[in-house]
Amino acid sequence: MAKMLSLPISDPSNSRASLQHYANNFLYVSSYCVTQSQLLQAIQKARNESDADWKISREKTVKQWIQQCEAGVKAGNMQLGMGLVVCRYIGDGLGGNYEDKAKAETKALELPEEESFVDAVKRALKV
């Protein structure tokens, strides 16, 4: 936040690197954007484990949930309409991932790069 507030009011060479850009706009910042599978892989790598060391179950994909909710709504189950809202928000490429915007903000604000996700997991697990 301090980095954004220290920006010039306007910057003709890079409009995103100016306070004018953020007037009435969001500031997106992000550390890591990972899936549950990527998190599990990082934990396994940090602890030198494999899938055999875990009980792993796979659930429906967001696309499968969308199809199920759409079919339910068409059949008259309006409660599944809320499921559609959630699916449309969290689904890959459907609006819930702000990582690309956060990357642009990180670059414009010249923020430092984060450590690797696996290293962060190792540190969190104190491995």
C-alpha atoms as a PDB file:
ATOM      1  CA  MET A   1       0.000   0.000   0.000  1.00  0.00           C
ATOM      2  CA  ALA A   2       2.830   2.365   0.861  1.00  0.00           C
ATOM      3  CA  LYS A   3       4.441   1.694  -2.511  1.00  0.00           C
ATOM      4  CA  MET A   4       1.198   2.581  -4.311  1.00  0.00           C
ATOM      5  CA  LEU A   5       0.732   5.773  -2.302  1.00  0.00           C
ATOM      6  CA  SER A   6       4.263   6.862  -3.181  1.00  0.00           C
ATOM      7  CA  LEU A   7       3.518   6.774  -6.919  1.00  0.00           C
ATOM      8  CA  PRO A   8       3.319  10.015  -8.906  1.00  0.00           C
ATOM      9  CA  ILE A   9      -0.164  11.308  -9.639  1.00  0.00           C
ATOM     10  CA  SER A  10       0.343  10.597 -13.319  1.00  0.00           C
ATOM     11  CA  ASP A  11       3.010   8.857 -15.382  1.00  0.00           C
ATOM     12  CA  PRO A  12       2.735   9.281 -19.162  1.00  0.00           C
ATOM     13  CA  SER A  13       5.203   6.444 -19.789  1.00  0.00           C
ATOM     14  CA  ASN A  14       3.262   3.913 -17.671  1.00  0.00           C
ATOM     15  CA  SER A  15      -0.253   4.889 -16.641  1.00  0.00           C
ATOM     16  CA  ARG A  16      -0.529   1.864 -14.335  1.00  0.00           C
ATOM     17  CA  ALA A  17       2.386   3.219 -12.280  1.00  0.00           C
ATOM     18  CA  SER A  18       0.423   6.283 -11.151  1.00  0.00           C
ATOM     19  CA  LEU A  19      -2.106   7.231  -8.502  1.00  0.00           C
ATOM     20  CA  GLN A  20      -4.439   8.327 -11.275  1.00  0.00           C
ATOM     21  CA  HIS A  21      -4.707   4.692 -12.400  1.00  0.00           C
ATOM     22  CA  TYR A  22      -5.857   3.571  -8.941  1.00  0.00           C
ATOM     23  CA  ALA A  23      -8.479   6.270  -8.467  1.00  0.00           C
ATOM     24  CA  ASN A  24     -11.730   4.305  -8.105  1.00  0.00           C
ATOM     25  CA  ASN A  25      -9.921   1.063  -9.049  1.00  0.00           C
ATOM     26  CA  PHE A  26      -8.807  -1.966  -7.100  1.00  0.00           C
ATOM     27  CA  LEU A  27      -5.203  -2.698  -6.167  1.00  0.00           C
ATOM     28  CA  TYR A  28      -4.517  -6.396  -6.726  1.00  0.00           C
ATOM     29  CA  VAL A  29      -1.702  -8.076  -4.822  1.00  0.00           C
ATOM     30  CA  SER A  30      -1.018 -11.757  -4.510  1.00  0.00           C
ATOM     31  CA  SER A  31       1.611 -14.018  -3.057  1.00  0.00           C
ATOM     32  CA  TYR A  32       0.780 -17.445  -4.467  1.00  0.00           C
ATOM     33  CA  CYS A  33      -1.966 -18.768  -6.681  1.00  0.00           C
ATOM     34  CA  VAL A  34      -2.030 -22.559  -6.433  1.00  0.00           C
ATOM     35  CA  THR A  35      -4.450 -25.422  -6.732  1.00  0.00           C
ATOM     36  CA  GLN A  36      -5.039 -28.004  -4.022  1.00  0.00           C
ATOM     37  CA  SER A  37      -3.028 -30.470  -6.100  1.00  0.00           C
ATOM     38  CA  GLN A  38      -0.091 -28.051  -6.302  1.00  0.00           C
ATOM     39  CA  LEU A  39      -0.260 -27.515  -2.539  1.00  0.00           C
ATOM     40  CA  LEU A  40      -0.201 -31.264  -1.923  1.00  0.00           C
ATOM     41  CA  GLN A  41       2.754 -31.677  -4.305  1.00  0.00           C
ATOM     42  CA  ALA A  42       4.674 -28.933  -2.498  1.00  0.00           C
ATOM     43  CA  ILE A  43       4.004 -30.537   0.894  1.00  0.00           C
ATOM     44  CA  GLN A  44       5.061 -33.924  -0.442  1.00  0.00           C
ATOM     45  CA  LYS A  45       8.254 -32.465  -1.895  1.00  0.00           C
ATOM     46  CA  ALA A  46       9.042 -30.612   1.332  1.00  0.00           C
ATOM     47  CA  ARG A  47       8.536 -33.777   3.404  1.00  0.00           C
ATOM     48  CA  ASN A  48      10.047 -36.160   0.844  1.00  0.00           C
ATOM     49  CA  GLU A  49       6.755 -38.046   0.498  1.00  0.00           C
ATOM     50  CA  SER A  50       4.671 -39.406  -2.372  1.00  0.00           C
ATOM     51  CA  ASP A  51       1.009 -40.073  -3.150  1.00  0.00           C
ATOM     52  CA  ALA A  52       1.424 -43.489  -1.485  1.00  0.00           C
ATOM     53  CA  ASP A  53       1.898 -41.712   1.855  1.00  0.00           C
ATOM     54  CA  TRP A  54      -1.479 -39.986   1.597  1.00  0.00           C
ATOM     55  CA  LYS A  55      -5.123 -40.965   1.232  1.00  0.00           C
ATOM     56  CA  ILE A  56      -6.136 -38.912  -1.798  1.00  0.00           C
ATOM     57  CA  SER A  57      -9.616 -38.682  -3.250  1.00  0.00           C
ATOM     58  CA  ARG A  58     -10.613 -36.738  -6.336  1.00  0.00           C
ATOM     59  CA  GLU A  59     -13.844 -34.790  -6.458  1.00  0.00           C
ATOM     60  CA  LYS A  60     -15.849 -33.360  -9.303  1.00  0.00           C
ATOM     61  CA  THR A  61     -14.313 -30.625 -11.384  1.00  0.00           C
ATOM     62  CA  VAL A  62     -15.870 -27.187 -11.557  1.00  0.00           C
ATOM     63  CA  LYS A  63     -17.059 -27.969 -15.105  1.00  0.00           C
ATOM     64  CA  GLN A  64     -18.834 -31.084 -13.817  1.00  0.00           C
ATOM     65  CA  TRP A  65     -20.456 -29.081 -11.021  1.00  0.00           C
ATOM     66  CA  ILE A  66     -21.598 -26.443 -13.528  1.00  0.00           C
ATOM     67  CA  GLN A  67     -23.221 -29.143 -15.693  1.00  0.00           C
ATOM     68  CA  GLN A  68     -24.907 -30.675 -12.647  1.00  0.00           C
ATOM     69  CA  CYS A  69     -26.182 -27.318 -11.408  1.00  0.00           C
ATOM     70  CA  GLU A  70     -27.417 -26.289 -14.865  1.00  0.00           C
ATOM     71  CA  ALA A  71     -29.295 -29.582 -15.217  1.00  0.00           C
ATOM     72  CA  GLY A  72     -30.802 -29.123 -11.749  1.00  0.00           C
ATOM     73  CA  VAL A  73     -31.952 -25.572 -12.485  1.00  0.00           C
ATOM     74  CA  LYS A  74     -33.500 -26.705 -15.785  1.00  0.00           C
ATOM     75  CA  ALA A  75     -35.322 -29.422 -13.828  1.00  0.00           C
ATOM     76  CA  GLY A  76     -36.719 -26.789 -11.464  1.00  0.00           C
ATOM     77  CA  ASN A  77     -34.279 -26.969  -8.526  1.00  0.00           C
ATOM     78  CA  MET A  78     -33.602 -23.255  -8.104  1.00  0.00           C
ATOM     79  CA  GLN A  79     -31.323 -23.872  -5.089  1.00  0.00           C
ATOM     80  CA  LEU A  80     -28.688 -25.106  -7.531  1.00  0.00           C
ATOM     81  CA  GLY A  81     -28.654 -21.598  -9.010  1.00  0.00           C
ATOM     82  CA  MET A  82     -26.435 -20.545  -6.109  1.00  0.00           C
ATOM     83  CA  GLY A  83     -24.123 -23.425  -6.981  1.00  0.00           C
ATOM     84  CA  LEU A  84     -23.819 -21.927 -10.466  1.00  0.00           C
ATOM     85  CA  VAL A  85     -22.854 -18.565  -8.999  1.00  0.00           C
ATOM     86  CA  VAL A  86     -20.121 -20.168  -6.899  1.00  0.00           C
ATOM     87  CA  CYS A  87     -18.882 -22.305  -9.810  1.00  0.00           C
ATOM     88  CA  ARG A  88     -18.739 -19.339 -12.159  1.00  0.00           C
ATOM     89  CA  TYR A  89     -16.675 -17.450  -9.602  1.00  0.00           C
ATOM     90  CA  ILE A  90     -14.148 -20.154  -8.698  1.00  0.00           C
ATOM     91  CA  GLY A  91     -13.830 -21.900 -12.046  1.00  0.00           C
ATOM     92  CA  ASP A  92     -10.574 -21.615 -13.946  1.00  0.00           C
ATOM     93  CA  GLY A  93     -10.834 -18.717 -16.358  1.00  0.00           C
ATOM     94  CA  LEU A  94     -14.273 -17.768 -15.063  1.00  0.00           C
ATOM     95  CA  GLY A  95     -13.469 -14.675 -13.003  1.00  0.00           C
ATOM     96  CA  GLY A  96     -12.280 -15.705  -9.559  1.00  0.00           C
ATOM     97  CA  ASN A  97      -8.566 -15.683 -10.327  1.00  0.00           C
ATOM     98  CA  TYR A  98      -6.996 -12.261 -10.002  1.00  0.00           C
ATOM     99  CA  GLU A  99      -3.433 -13.503 -10.443  1.00  0.00           C
ATOM    100  CA  ASP A 100      -2.870 -11.851 -13.835  1.00  0.00           C
ATOM    101  CA  LYS A 101      -4.037  -8.509 -12.467  1.00  0.00           C
ATOM    102  CA  ALA A 102      -1.857  -8.968  -9.383  1.00  0.00           C
ATOM    103  CA  LYS A 103       1.177  -9.723 -11.573  1.00  0.00           C
ATOM    104  CA  ALA A 104       0.617  -6.489 -13.486  1.00  0.00           C
ATOM    105  CA  GLU A 105       0.350  -4.550 -10.220  1.00  0.00           C
ATOM    106  CA  THR A 106       3.497  -6.209  -8.836  1.00  0.00           C
ATOM    107  CA  LYS A 107       5.405  -5.175 -11.939  1.00  0.00           C
ATOM    108  CA  ALA A 108       4.022  -1.625 -11.985  1.00  0.00           C
ATOM    109  CA  LEU A 109       4.776  -1.159  -8.282  1.00  0.00           C
ATOM    110  CA  GLU A 110       8.197  -2.813  -8.654  1.00  0.00           C
ATOM    111  CA  LEU A 111       7.507  -5.151  -5.740  1.00  0.00           C
ATOM    112  CA  PRO A 112      10.050  -7.879  -4.970  1.00  0.00           C
ATOM    113  CA  GLU A 113       9.493 -11.391  -6.280  1.00  0.00           C
ATOM    114  CA  GLU A 114       8.267 -13.993  -3.829  1.00  0.00           C
ATOM    115  CA  GLU A 115      10.330 -17.016  -2.880  1.00  0.00           C
ATOM    116  CA  SER A 116       9.401 -20.272  -4.576  1.00  0.00           C
ATOM    117  CA  PHE A 117       6.176 -21.825  -3.344  1.00  0.00           C
ATOM    118  CA  VAL A 118       7.930 -25.065  -2.343  1.00  0.00           C
ATOM    119  CA  ASP A 119      10.467 -23.074  -0.292  1.00  0.00           C
ATOM    120  CA  ALA A 120       7.642 -21.191   1.413  1.00  0.00           C
ATOM    121  CA  VAL A 121       5.900 -24.491   2.226  1.00  0.00           C
ATOM    122  CA  LYS A 122       9.138 -25.948   3.598  1.00  0.00           C
ATOM    123  CA  ARG A 123       9.582 -22.879   5.785  1.00  0.00           C
ATOM    124  CA  ALA A 124       5.970 -23.082   6.973  1.00  0.00           C
ATOM    125  CA  LEU A 125       6.399 -26.756   7.803  1.00  0.00           C
ATOM    126  CA  LYS A 126       9.796 -26.010   9.393  1.00  0.00           C
ATOM    127  CA  VAL A 127      11.374 -28.802   7.361  1.00  0.00           C
END
